[in-house]
């Protein structure tokens, strides 16, 4: 398995492989450890961590990309790029535990 340096690189590889590629997508949002919601159930002042894991399977090689976003705007940009890619190639959204199991198989 080869680690892609960026979402753009993974997108390029997926487009090159064309219909022979398969993309697994896992996304997870979390607050820092020990965080509890207040009376208002407000998360104000906390940093939401958004993690994206992608596994691109092609006949020749498998590619992996993961990134953790703390900036919501950067995360939204990445989601937009991901949605475009998912329209172009076969893909499936899976739970983080399924992604971890799949990564350990490779």
PDB file of N, CA and C in Angstrom:
ATOM      1  N   UNK A   1       0.845  -1.166   0.000  1.00  0.00           N
ATOM      2  CA  UNK A   1       0.000   0.000   0.000  1.00  0.00           C
ATOM      3  C   UNK A   1       0.897   1.238   0.000  1.00  0.00           C
ATOM      4  N   UNK A   2       0.508   2.223  -0.788  1.00  0.00           N
ATOM      5  CA  UNK A   2       1.266   3.463  -0.904  1.00  0.00           C
ATOM      6  C   UNK A   2       0.453   4.595  -0.296  1.00  0.00           C
ATOM      7  N   UNK A   3       1.113   5.421   0.501  1.00  0.00           N
ATOM      8  CA  UNK A   3       0.441   6.557   1.128  1.00  0.00           C
ATOM      9  C   UNK A   3       0.472   7.746   0.173  1.00  0.00           C
ATOM     10  N   UNK A   4      -0.701   8.265  -0.156  1.00  0.00           N
ATOM     11  CA  UNK A   4      -0.792   9.466  -0.989  1.00  0.00           C
ATOM     12  C   UNK A   4      -0.524  10.684  -0.114  1.00  0.00           C
ATOM     13  N   UNK A   5       0.189  11.658  -0.655  1.00  0.00           N
ATOM     14  CA  UNK A   5       0.558  12.845   0.109  1.00  0.00           C
ATOM     15  C   UNK A   5      -0.575  13.855   0.239  1.00  0.00           C
ATOM     16  N   UNK A   6      -1.565  13.767  -0.655  1.00  0.00           N
ATOM     17  CA  UNK A   6      -2.652  14.748  -0.628  1.00  0.00           C
ATOM     18  C   UNK A   6      -3.913  14.154  -1.244  1.00  0.00           C
ATOM     19  N   UNK A   7      -5.015  14.811  -0.992  1.00  0.00           N
ATOM     20  CA  UNK A   7      -6.282  14.404  -1.600  1.00  0.00           C
ATOM     21  C   UNK A   7      -6.210  14.588  -3.113  1.00  0.00           C
ATOM     22  N   UNK A   8      -5.523  15.623  -3.554  1.00  0.00           N
ATOM     23  CA  UNK A   8      -5.362  15.871  -4.985  1.00  0.00           C
ATOM     24  C   UNK A   8      -4.613  14.723  -5.654  1.00  0.00           C
ATOM     25  N   UNK A   9      -3.560  14.233  -4.993  1.00  0.00           N
ATOM     26  CA  UNK A   9      -2.793  13.117  -5.546  1.00  0.00           C
ATOM     27  C   UNK A   9      -3.663  11.864  -5.639  1.00  0.00           C
ATOM     28  N   UNK A  10      -4.423  11.583  -4.604  1.00  0.00           N
ATOM     29  CA  UNK A  10      -5.294  10.413  -4.611  1.00  0.00           C
ATOM     30  C   UNK A  10      -6.346  10.541  -5.715  1.00  0.00           C
ATOM     31  N   UNK A  11      -6.896  11.733  -5.897  1.00  0.00           N
ATOM     32  CA  UNK A  11      -7.884  11.968  -6.960  1.00  0.00           C
ATOM     33  C   UNK A  11      -7.279  11.702  -8.330  1.00  0.00           C
ATOM     34  N   UNK A  12      -6.072  12.180  -8.540  1.00  0.00           N
ATOM     35  CA  UNK A  12      -5.387  11.966  -9.815  1.00  0.00           C
ATOM     36  C   UNK A  12      -5.176  10.470 -10.070  1.00  0.00           C
ATOM     37  N   UNK A  13      -4.729   9.749  -9.051  1.00  0.00           N
ATOM     38  CA  UNK A  13      -4.511   8.305  -9.186  1.00  0.00           C
ATOM     39  C   UNK A  13      -5.817   7.575  -9.486  1.00  0.00           C
ATOM     40  N   UNK A  14      -6.887   7.983  -8.829  1.00  0.00           N
ATOM     41  CA  UNK A  14      -8.193   7.353  -9.045  1.00  0.00           C
ATOM     42  C   UNK A  14      -8.675   7.584 -10.469  1.00  0.00           C
ATOM     43  N   UNK A  15      -8.495   8.796 -10.955  1.00  0.00           N
ATOM     44  CA  UNK A  15      -8.939   9.115 -12.316  1.00  0.00           C
ATOM     45  C   UNK A  15      -8.115   8.364 -13.350  1.00  0.00           C
ATOM     46  N   UNK A  16      -6.826   8.172 -13.074  1.00  0.00           N
ATOM     47  CA  UNK A  16      -5.976   7.402 -13.987  1.00  0.00           C
ATOM     48  C   UNK A  16      -6.422   5.947 -14.047  1.00  0.00           C
ATOM     49  N   UNK A  17      -6.804   5.392 -12.917  1.00  0.00           N
ATOM     50  CA  UNK A  17      -7.240   3.988 -12.872  1.00  0.00           C
ATOM     51  C   UNK A  17      -8.621   3.822 -13.491  1.00  0.00           C
ATOM     52  N   UNK A  18      -9.408   4.899 -13.489  1.00  0.00           N
ATOM     53  CA  UNK A  18     -10.725   4.873 -14.112  1.00  0.00           C
ATOM     54  C   UNK A  18     -11.687   3.921 -13.434  1.00  0.00           C
ATOM     55  N   UNK A  19     -12.462   3.222 -14.257  1.00  0.00           N
ATOM     56  CA  UNK A  19     -13.513   2.363 -13.706  1.00  0.00           C
ATOM     57  C   UNK A  19     -12.967   1.111 -13.031  1.00  0.00           C
ATOM     58  N   UNK A  20     -11.671   0.898 -13.121  1.00  0.00           N
ATOM     59  CA  UNK A  20     -11.060  -0.240 -12.438  1.00  0.00           C
ATOM     60  C   UNK A  20     -10.730   0.062 -10.985  1.00  0.00           C
ATOM     61  N   UNK A  21     -11.055   1.272 -10.533  1.00  0.00           N
ATOM     62  CA  UNK A  21     -10.717   1.647  -9.156  1.00  0.00           C
ATOM     63  C   UNK A  21     -11.947   1.604  -8.257  1.00  0.00           C
ATOM     64  N   UNK A  22     -11.683   1.500  -6.966  1.00  0.00           N
ATOM     65  CA  UNK A  22     -12.727   1.427  -5.945  1.00  0.00           C
ATOM     66  C   UNK A  22     -12.256   2.264  -4.774  1.00  0.00           C
ATOM     67  N   UNK A  23     -13.086   3.182  -4.303  1.00  0.00           N
ATOM     68  CA  UNK A  23     -12.704   4.085  -3.228  1.00  0.00           C
ATOM     69  C   UNK A  23     -13.539   3.815  -1.987  1.00  0.00           C
ATOM     70  N   UNK A  24     -12.861   3.539  -0.879  1.00  0.00           N
ATOM     71  CA  UNK A  24     -13.527   3.422   0.417  1.00  0.00           C
ATOM     72  C   UNK A  24     -13.296   4.721   1.175  1.00  0.00           C
ATOM     73  N   UNK A  25     -14.363   5.244   1.771  1.00  0.00           N
ATOM     74  CA  UNK A  25     -14.318   6.537   2.445  1.00  0.00           C
ATOM     75  C   UNK A  25     -14.791   6.370   3.881  1.00  0.00           C
ATOM     76  N   UNK A  26     -14.029   6.926   4.802  1.00  0.00           N
ATOM     77  CA  UNK A  26     -14.424   6.942   6.206  1.00  0.00           C
ATOM     78  C   UNK A  26     -14.202   8.351   6.746  1.00  0.00           C
ATOM     79  N   UNK A  27     -15.216   8.865   7.437  1.00  0.00           N
ATOM     80  CA  UNK A  27     -15.116  10.192   8.041  1.00  0.00           C
ATOM     81  C   UNK A  27     -15.549  10.099   9.492  1.00  0.00           C
ATOM     82  N   UNK A  28     -14.879  10.874  10.335  1.00  0.00           N
ATOM     83  CA  UNK A  28     -15.190  10.846  11.755  1.00  0.00           C
ATOM     84  C   UNK A  28     -14.986  12.239  12.334  1.00  0.00           C
ATOM     85  N   UNK A  29     -15.943  12.691  13.121  1.00  0.00           N
ATOM     86  CA  UNK A  29     -15.832  13.975  13.803  1.00  0.00           C
ATOM     87  C   UNK A  29     -15.772  13.719  15.296  1.00  0.00           C
ATOM     88  N   UNK A  30     -14.853  14.407  15.983  1.00  0.00           N
ATOM     89  CA  UNK A  30     -14.732  14.205  17.425  1.00  0.00           C
ATOM     90  C   UNK A  30     -14.261  15.481  18.102  1.00  0.00           C
ATOM     91  N   UNK A  31     -14.569  15.559  19.383  1.00  0.00           N
ATOM     92  CA  UNK A  31     -14.083  16.647  20.227  1.00  0.00           C
ATOM     93  C   UNK A  31     -12.903  16.119  21.030  1.00  0.00           C
ATOM     94  N   UNK A  32     -12.070  17.007  21.568  1.00  0.00           N
ATOM     95  CA  UNK A  32     -10.929  16.556  22.374  1.00  0.00           C
ATOM     96  C   UNK A  32     -11.362  15.659  23.524  1.00  0.00           C
ATOM     97  N   UNK A  33     -10.470  14.781  23.949  1.00  0.00           N
ATOM     98  CA  UNK A  33     -10.753  13.872  25.067  1.00  0.00           C
ATOM     99  C   UNK A  33     -11.123  14.669  26.308  1.00  0.00           C
ATOM    100  N   UNK A  34     -12.099  14.175  27.031  1.00  0.00           N
ATOM    101  CA  UNK A  34     -12.515  14.823  28.266  1.00  0.00           C
ATOM    102  C   UNK A  34     -13.523  15.928  28.073  1.00  0.00           C
ATOM    103  N   UNK A  35     -13.886  16.226  26.835  1.00  0.00           N
ATOM    104  CA  UNK A  35     -14.849  17.290  26.569  1.00  0.00           C
ATOM    105  C   UNK A  35     -16.254  16.829  26.938  1.00  0.00           C
ATOM    106  N   UNK A  36     -17.001  17.673  27.618  1.00  0.00           N
ATOM    107  CA  UNK A  36     -18.406  17.387  27.910  1.00  0.00           C
ATOM    108  C   UNK A  36     -19.235  18.582  27.488  1.00  0.00           C
ATOM    109  N   UNK A  37     -20.438  18.316  27.049  1.00  0.00           N
ATOM    110  CA  UNK A  37     -21.336  19.390  26.641  1.00  0.00           C
ATOM    111  C   UNK A  37     -21.891  20.095  27.868  1.00  0.00           C
ATOM    112  N   UNK A  38     -22.079  21.384  27.759  1.00  0.00           N
ATOM    113  CA  UNK A  38     -22.613  22.170  28.870  1.00  0.00           C
ATOM    114  C   UNK A  38     -24.123  22.171  28.889  1.00  0.00           C
ATOM    115  N   UNK A  39     -24.686  23.052  29.710  1.00  0.00           N
ATOM    116  CA  UNK A  39     -26.140  23.133  29.852  1.00  0.00           C
ATOM    117  C   UNK A  39     -26.833  23.400  28.527  1.00  0.00           C
ATOM    118  N   UNK A  40     -26.192  24.184  27.692  1.00  0.00           N
ATOM    119  CA  UNK A  40     -26.801  24.557  26.417  1.00  0.00           C
ATOM    120  C   UNK A  40     -26.481  23.541  25.318  1.00  0.00           C
ATOM    121  N   UNK A  41     -25.779  22.474  25.688  1.00  0.00           N
ATOM    122  CA  UNK A  41     -25.291  21.516  24.690  1.00  0.00           C
ATOM    123  C   UNK A  41     -24.498  22.237  23.615  1.00  0.00           C
ATOM    124  N   UNK A  42     -23.735  23.212  24.040  1.00  0.00           N
ATOM    125  CA  UNK A  42     -22.957  24.037  23.126  1.00  0.00           C
ATOM    126  C   UNK A  42     -21.509  23.577  23.117  1.00  0.00           C
ATOM    127  N   UNK A  43     -20.933  23.593  21.936  1.00  0.00           N
ATOM    128  CA  UNK A  43     -19.530  23.220  21.792  1.00  0.00           C
ATOM    129  C   UNK A  43     -18.667  24.464  21.586  1.00  0.00           C
ATOM    130  N   UNK A  44     -19.171  25.617  21.944  1.00  0.00           N
ATOM    131  CA  UNK A  44     -18.444  26.868  21.738  1.00  0.00           C
ATOM    132  C   UNK A  44     -17.096  26.824  22.443  1.00  0.00           C
ATOM    133  N   UNK A  45     -16.086  27.291  21.737  1.00  0.00           N
ATOM    134  CA  UNK A  45     -14.759  27.358  22.326  1.00  0.00           C
ATOM    135  C   UNK A  45     -13.964  26.070  22.248  1.00  0.00           C
ATOM    136  N   UNK A  46     -14.529  25.021  21.702  1.00  0.00           N
ATOM    137  CA  UNK A  46     -13.793  23.765  21.572  1.00  0.00           C
ATOM    138  C   UNK A  46     -13.406  23.565  20.115  1.00  0.00           C
ATOM    139  N   UNK A  47     -12.421  22.740  19.906  1.00  0.00           N
ATOM    140  CA  UNK A  47     -11.950  22.464  18.559  1.00  0.00           C
ATOM    141  C   UNK A  47     -12.495  21.116  18.110  1.00  0.00           C
ATOM    142  N   UNK A  48     -13.310  21.146  17.098  1.00  0.00           N
ATOM    143  CA  UNK A  48     -13.839  19.926  16.518  1.00  0.00           C
ATOM    144  C   UNK A  48     -12.774  19.353  15.591  1.00  0.00           C
ATOM    145  N   UNK A  49     -12.464  18.082  15.760  1.00  0.00           N
ATOM    146  CA  UNK A  49     -11.503  17.414  14.890  1.00  0.00           C
ATOM    147  C   UNK A  49     -12.270  16.561  13.898  1.00  0.00           C
ATOM    148  N   UNK A  50     -11.979  16.766  12.631  1.00  0.00           N
ATOM    149  CA  UNK A  50     -12.639  16.026  11.574  1.00  0.00           C
ATOM    150  C   UNK A  50     -11.582  15.206  10.843  1.00  0.00           C
ATOM    151  N   UNK A  51     -11.778  13.902  10.838  1.00  0.00           N
ATOM    152  CA  UNK A  51     -10.799  13.009  10.226  1.00  0.00           C
ATOM    153  C   UNK A  51     -11.384  12.366   8.983  1.00  0.00           C
ATOM    154  N   UNK A  52     -10.565  12.302   7.950  1.00  0.00           N
ATOM    155  CA  UNK A  52     -10.955  11.682   6.691  1.00  0.00           C
ATOM    156  C   UNK A  52      -9.931  10.603   6.371  1.00  0.00           C
ATOM    157  N   UNK A  53     -10.414   9.401   6.061  1.00  0.00           N
ATOM    158  CA  UNK A  53      -9.550   8.305   5.633  1.00  0.00           C
ATOM    159  C   UNK A  53     -10.085   7.791   4.306  1.00  0.00           C
ATOM    160  N   UNK A  54      -9.189   7.636   3.341  1.00  0.00           N
ATOM    161  CA  UNK A  54      -9.568   7.158   2.017  1.00  0.00           C
ATOM    162  C   UNK A  54      -8.652   6.014   1.616  1.00  0.00           C
ATOM    163  N   UNK A  55      -9.240   4.965   1.096  1.00  0.00           N
ATOM    164  CA  UNK A  55      -8.480   3.830   0.582  1.00  0.00           C
ATOM    165  C   UNK A  55      -8.898   3.615  -0.864  1.00  0.00           C
ATOM    166  N   UNK A  56      -7.954   3.818  -1.769  1.00  0.00           N
ATOM    167  CA  UNK A  56      -8.195   3.631  -3.192  1.00  0.00           C
ATOM    168  C   UNK A  56      -7.603   2.295  -3.599  1.00  0.00           C
ATOM    169  N   UNK A  57      -8.449   1.402  -4.077  1.00  0.00           N
ATOM    170  CA  UNK A  57      -7.999   0.089  -4.530  1.00  0.00           C
ATOM    171  C   UNK A  57      -8.019   0.068  -6.051  1.00  0.00           C
ATOM    172  N   UNK A  58      -6.870  -0.255  -6.638  1.00  0.00           N
ATOM    173  CA  UNK A  58      -6.761  -0.384  -8.088  1.00  0.00           C
ATOM    174  C   UNK A  58      -6.164  -1.759  -8.387  1.00  0.00           C
ATOM    175  N   UNK A  59      -6.258  -2.239  -9.617  1.00  0.00           N
ATOM    176  CA  UNK A  59      -5.686  -3.547  -9.934  1.00  0.00           C
ATOM    177  C   UNK A  59      -4.173  -3.619  -9.682  1.00  0.00           C
ATOM    178  N   UNK A  60      -3.484  -2.499  -9.851  1.00  0.00           N
ATOM    179  CA  UNK A  60      -2.027  -2.500  -9.701  1.00  0.00           C
ATOM    180  C   UNK A  60      -1.557  -2.286  -8.271  1.00  0.00           C
ATOM    181  N   UNK A  61      -2.260  -1.425  -7.521  1.00  0.00           N
ATOM    182  CA  UNK A  61      -1.766  -0.990  -6.219  1.00  0.00           C
ATOM    183  C   UNK A  61      -2.910  -0.388  -5.402  1.00  0.00           C
ATOM    184  N   UNK A  62      -2.746  -0.374  -4.094  1.00  0.00           N
ATOM    185  CA  UNK A  62      -3.697   0.307  -3.216  1.00  0.00           C
ATOM    186  C   UNK A  62      -3.035   1.560  -2.670  1.00  0.00           C
ATOM    187  N   UNK A  63      -3.829   2.619  -2.535  1.00  0.00           N
ATOM    188  CA  UNK A  63      -3.332   3.907  -2.062  1.00  0.00           C
ATOM    189  C   UNK A  63      -4.175   4.359  -0.881  1.00  0.00           C
ATOM    190  N   UNK A  64      -3.504   4.983   0.070  1.00  0.00           N
ATOM    191  CA  UNK A  64      -4.170   5.415   1.296  1.00  0.00           C
ATOM    192  C   UNK A  64      -3.900   6.898   1.533  1.00  0.00           C
ATOM    193  N   UNK A  65      -4.932   7.618   1.935  1.00  0.00           N
ATOM    194  CA  UNK A  65      -4.780   9.019   2.326  1.00  0.00           C
ATOM    195  C   UNK A  65      -5.591   9.241   3.588  1.00  0.00           C
ATOM    196  N   UNK A  66      -4.985   9.933   4.542  1.00  0.00           N
ATOM    197  CA  UNK A  66      -5.699  10.299   5.766  1.00  0.00           C
ATOM    198  C   UNK A  66      -5.265  11.695   6.173  1.00  0.00           C
ATOM    199  N   UNK A  67      -6.210  12.441   6.694  1.00  0.00           N
ATOM    200  CA  UNK A  67      -5.892  13.766   7.204  1.00  0.00           C
ATOM    201  C   UNK A  67      -6.880  14.109   8.304  1.00  0.00           C
ATOM    202  N   UNK A  68      -6.379  14.849   9.282  1.00  0.00           N
ATOM    203  CA  UNK A  68      -7.232  15.325  10.362  1.00  0.00           C
ATOM    204  C   UNK A  68      -7.314  16.843  10.231  1.00  0.00           C
ATOM    205  N   UNK A  69      -8.525  17.339  10.150  1.00  0.00           N
ATOM    206  CA  UNK A  69      -8.762  18.766   9.954  1.00  0.00           C
ATOM    207  C   UNK A  69      -9.282  19.379  11.244  1.00  0.00           C
ATOM    208  N   UNK A  70      -8.728  20.532  11.602  1.00  0.00           N
ATOM    209  CA  UNK A  70      -9.255  21.293  12.724  1.00  0.00           C
ATOM    210  C   UNK A  70      -9.861  22.598  12.234  1.00  0.00           C
ATOM    211  N   UNK A  71      -9.592  22.932  10.988  1.00  0.00           N
ATOM    212  CA  UNK A  71     -10.157  24.119  10.355  1.00  0.00           C
ATOM    213  C   UNK A  71     -11.370  23.686   9.533  1.00  0.00           C
ATOM    214  N   UNK A  72     -12.532  24.160   9.912  1.00  0.00           N
ATOM    215  CA  UNK A  72     -13.767  23.732   9.258  1.00  0.00           C
ATOM    216  C   UNK A  72     -13.791  24.086   7.775  1.00  0.00           C
ATOM    217  N   UNK A  73     -13.216  25.226   7.404  1.00  0.00           N
ATOM    218  CA  UNK A  73     -13.203  25.630   5.995  1.00  0.00           C
ATOM    219  C   UNK A  73     -12.355  24.676   5.153  1.00  0.00           C
ATOM    220  N   UNK A  74     -11.198  24.285   5.677  1.00  0.00           N
ATOM    221  CA  UNK A  74     -10.357  23.327   4.954  1.00  0.00           C
ATOM    222  C   UNK A  74     -11.063  21.983   4.819  1.00  0.00           C
ATOM    223  N   UNK A  75     -11.775  21.587   5.863  1.00  0.00           N
ATOM    224  CA  UNK A  75     -12.528  20.333   5.828  1.00  0.00           C
ATOM    225  C   UNK A  75     -13.619  20.400   4.764  1.00  0.00           C
ATOM    226  N   UNK A  76     -14.324  21.530   4.704  1.00  0.00           N
ATOM    227  CA  UNK A  76     -15.384  21.695   3.700  1.00  0.00           C
ATOM    228  C   UNK A  76     -14.814  21.631   2.286  1.00  0.00           C
ATOM    229  N   UNK A  77     -13.641  22.223   2.070  1.00  0.00           N
ATOM    230  CA  UNK A  77     -12.993  22.153   0.763  1.00  0.00           C
ATOM    231  C   UNK A  77     -12.657  20.707   0.413  1.00  0.00           C
ATOM    232  N   UNK A  78     -12.128  19.978   1.381  1.00  0.00           N
ATOM    233  CA  UNK A  78     -11.780  18.574   1.151  1.00  0.00           C
ATOM    234  C   UNK A  78     -13.026  17.753   0.841  1.00  0.00           C
ATOM    235  N   UNK A  79     -14.110  18.004   1.564  1.00  0.00           N
ATOM    236  CA  UNK A  79     -15.364  17.282   1.314  1.00  0.00           C
ATOM    237  C   UNK A  79     -15.870  17.568  -0.095  1.00  0.00           C
ATOM    238  N   UNK A  80     -15.763  18.808  -0.526  1.00  0.00           N
ATOM    239  CA  UNK A  80     -16.186  19.169  -1.873  1.00  0.00           C
ATOM    240  C   UNK A  80     -15.375  18.405  -2.921  1.00  0.00           C
ATOM    241  N   UNK A  81     -14.059  18.339  -2.738  1.00  0.00           N
ATOM    242  CA  UNK A  81     -13.203  17.573  -3.652  1.00  0.00           C
ATOM    243  C   UNK A  81     -13.567  16.093  -3.626  1.00  0.00           C
ATOM    244  N   UNK A  82     -13.822  15.583  -2.438  1.00  0.00           N
ATOM    245  CA  UNK A  82     -14.167  14.175  -2.285  1.00  0.00           C
ATOM    246  C   UNK A  82     -15.490  13.856  -2.976  1.00  0.00           C
ATOM    247  N   UNK A  83     -16.480  14.719  -2.816  1.00  0.00           N
ATOM    248  CA  UNK A  83     -17.778  14.485  -3.453  1.00  0.00           C
ATOM    249  C   UNK A  83     -17.646  14.449  -4.968  1.00  0.00           C
ATOM    250  N   UNK A  84     -16.818  15.333  -5.530  1.00  0.00           N
ATOM    251  CA  UNK A  84     -16.579  15.316  -6.978  1.00  0.00           C
ATOM    252  C   UNK A  84     -15.972  13.986  -7.400  1.00  0.00           C
ATOM    253  N   UNK A  85     -14.991  13.525  -6.641  1.00  0.00           N
ATOM    254  CA  UNK A  85     -14.336  12.261  -6.955  1.00  0.00           C
ATOM    255  C   UNK A  85     -15.318  11.097  -6.858  1.00  0.00           C
ATOM    256  N   UNK A  86     -16.156  11.109  -5.836  1.00  0.00           N
ATOM    257  CA  UNK A  86     -17.111  10.017  -5.634  1.00  0.00           C
ATOM    258  C   UNK A  86     -18.155   9.957  -6.746  1.00  0.00           C
ATOM    259  N   UNK A  87     -18.368  11.065  -7.446  1.00  0.00           N
ATOM    260  CA  UNK A  87     -19.282  11.062  -8.589  1.00  0.00           C
ATOM    261  C   UNK A  87     -18.634  10.431  -9.815  1.00  0.00           C
ATOM    262  N   UNK A  88     -17.297  10.414  -9.838  1.00  0.00           N
ATOM    263  CA  UNK A  88     -16.577   9.935 -11.011  1.00  0.00           C
ATOM    264  C   UNK A  88     -16.163   8.473 -10.936  1.00  0.00           C
ATOM    265  N   UNK A  89     -15.980   7.943  -9.720  1.00  0.00           N
ATOM    266  CA  UNK A  89     -15.546   6.552  -9.596  1.00  0.00           C
ATOM    267  C   UNK A  89     -16.438   5.814  -8.600  1.00  0.00           C
ATOM    268  N   UNK A  90     -16.359   4.491  -8.640  1.00  0.00           N
ATOM    269  CA  UNK A  90     -17.126   3.688  -7.685  1.00  0.00           C
ATOM    270  C   UNK A  90     -16.595   3.950  -6.288  1.00  0.00           C
ATOM    271  N   UNK A  91     -17.500   4.102  -5.347  1.00  0.00           N
ATOM    272  CA  UNK A  91     -17.070   4.398  -3.979  1.00  0.00           C
ATOM    273  C   UNK A  91     -18.083   3.869  -2.980  1.00  0.00           C
ATOM    274  N   UNK A  92     -17.627   3.767  -1.755  1.00  0.00           N
ATOM    275  CA  UNK A  92     -18.485   3.310  -0.661  1.00  0.00           C
ATOM    276  C   UNK A  92     -18.038   4.013   0.613  1.00  0.00           C
ATOM    277  N   UNK A  93     -18.997   4.504   1.382  1.00  0.00           N
ATOM    278  CA  UNK A  93     -18.707   5.116   2.673  1.00  0.00           C
ATOM    279  C   UNK A  93     -18.847   4.048   3.746  1.00  0.00           C
ATOM    280  N   UNK A  94     -17.818   3.936   4.592  1.00  0.00           N
ATOM    281  CA  UNK A  94     -17.803   2.900   5.629  1.00  0.00           C
ATOM    282  C   UNK A  94     -17.504   3.526   6.989  1.00  0.00           C
ATOM    283  N   UNK A  95     -17.817   2.800   8.032  1.00  0.00           N
ATOM    284  CA  UNK A  95     -17.518   3.228   9.400  1.00  0.00           C
ATOM    285  C   UNK A  95     -16.004   3.180   9.628  1.00  0.00           C
ATOM    286  N   UNK A  96     -15.479   4.015  10.524  1.00  0.00           N
ATOM    287  CA  UNK A  96     -14.041   3.989  10.809  1.00  0.00           C
ATOM    288  C   UNK A  96     -13.514   2.603  11.190  1.00  0.00           C
ATOM    289  N   UNK A  97     -14.291   1.819  11.921  1.00  0.00           N
ATOM    290  CA  UNK A  97     -13.838   0.478  12.318  1.00  0.00           C
ATOM    291  C   UNK A  97     -13.679  -0.440  11.100  1.00  0.00           C
ATOM    292  N   UNK A  98     -14.554  -0.290  10.119  1.00  0.00           N
ATOM    293  CA  UNK A  98     -14.459  -1.082   8.889  1.00  0.00           C
ATOM    294  C   UNK A  98     -13.209  -0.676   8.112  1.00  0.00           C
ATOM    295  N   UNK A  99     -12.949   0.618   8.065  1.00  0.00           N
ATOM    296  CA  UNK A  99     -11.752   1.110   7.374  1.00  0.00           C
ATOM    297  C   UNK A  99     -10.490   0.568   8.045  1.00  0.00           C
ATOM    298  N   UNK A 100     -10.441   0.622   9.364  1.00  0.00           N
ATOM    299  CA  UNK A 100      -9.266   0.118  10.092  1.00  0.00           C
ATOM    300  C   UNK A 100      -9.038  -1.359   9.795  1.00  0.00           C
ATOM    301  N   UNK A 101     -10.108  -2.147   9.791  1.00  0.00           N
ATOM    302  CA  UNK A 101      -9.981  -3.573   9.494  1.00  0.00           C
ATOM    303  C   UNK A 101      -9.461  -3.780   8.071  1.00  0.00           C
ATOM    304  N   UNK A 102      -9.972  -3.001   7.131  1.00  0.00           N
ATOM    305  CA  UNK A 102      -9.551  -3.122   5.731  1.00  0.00           C
ATOM    306  C   UNK A 102      -8.077  -2.740   5.571  1.00  0.00           C
ATOM    307  N   UNK A 103      -7.656  -1.696   6.286  1.00  0.00           N
ATOM    308  CA  UNK A 103      -6.263  -1.261   6.206  1.00  0.00           C
ATOM    309  C   UNK A 103      -5.317  -2.325   6.745  1.00  0.00           C
ATOM    310  N   UNK A 104      -5.744  -3.033   7.779  1.00  0.00           N
ATOM    311  CA  UNK A 104      -4.889  -4.064   8.368  1.00  0.00           C
ATOM    312  C   UNK A 104      -4.846  -5.326   7.517  1.00  0.00           C
ATOM    313  N   UNK A 105      -5.797  -5.484   6.600  1.00  0.00           N
ATOM    314  CA  UNK A 105      -5.777  -6.614   5.670  1.00  0.00           C
ATOM    315  C   UNK A 105      -4.705  -6.414   4.603  1.00  0.00           C
ATOM    316  N   UNK A 106      -4.493  -5.143   4.245  1.00  0.00           N
ATOM    317  CA  UNK A 106      -3.571  -4.832   3.134  1.00  0.00           C
ATOM    318  C   UNK A 106      -2.158  -4.808   3.585  1.00  0.00           C
TER     319      UNK A 106
END
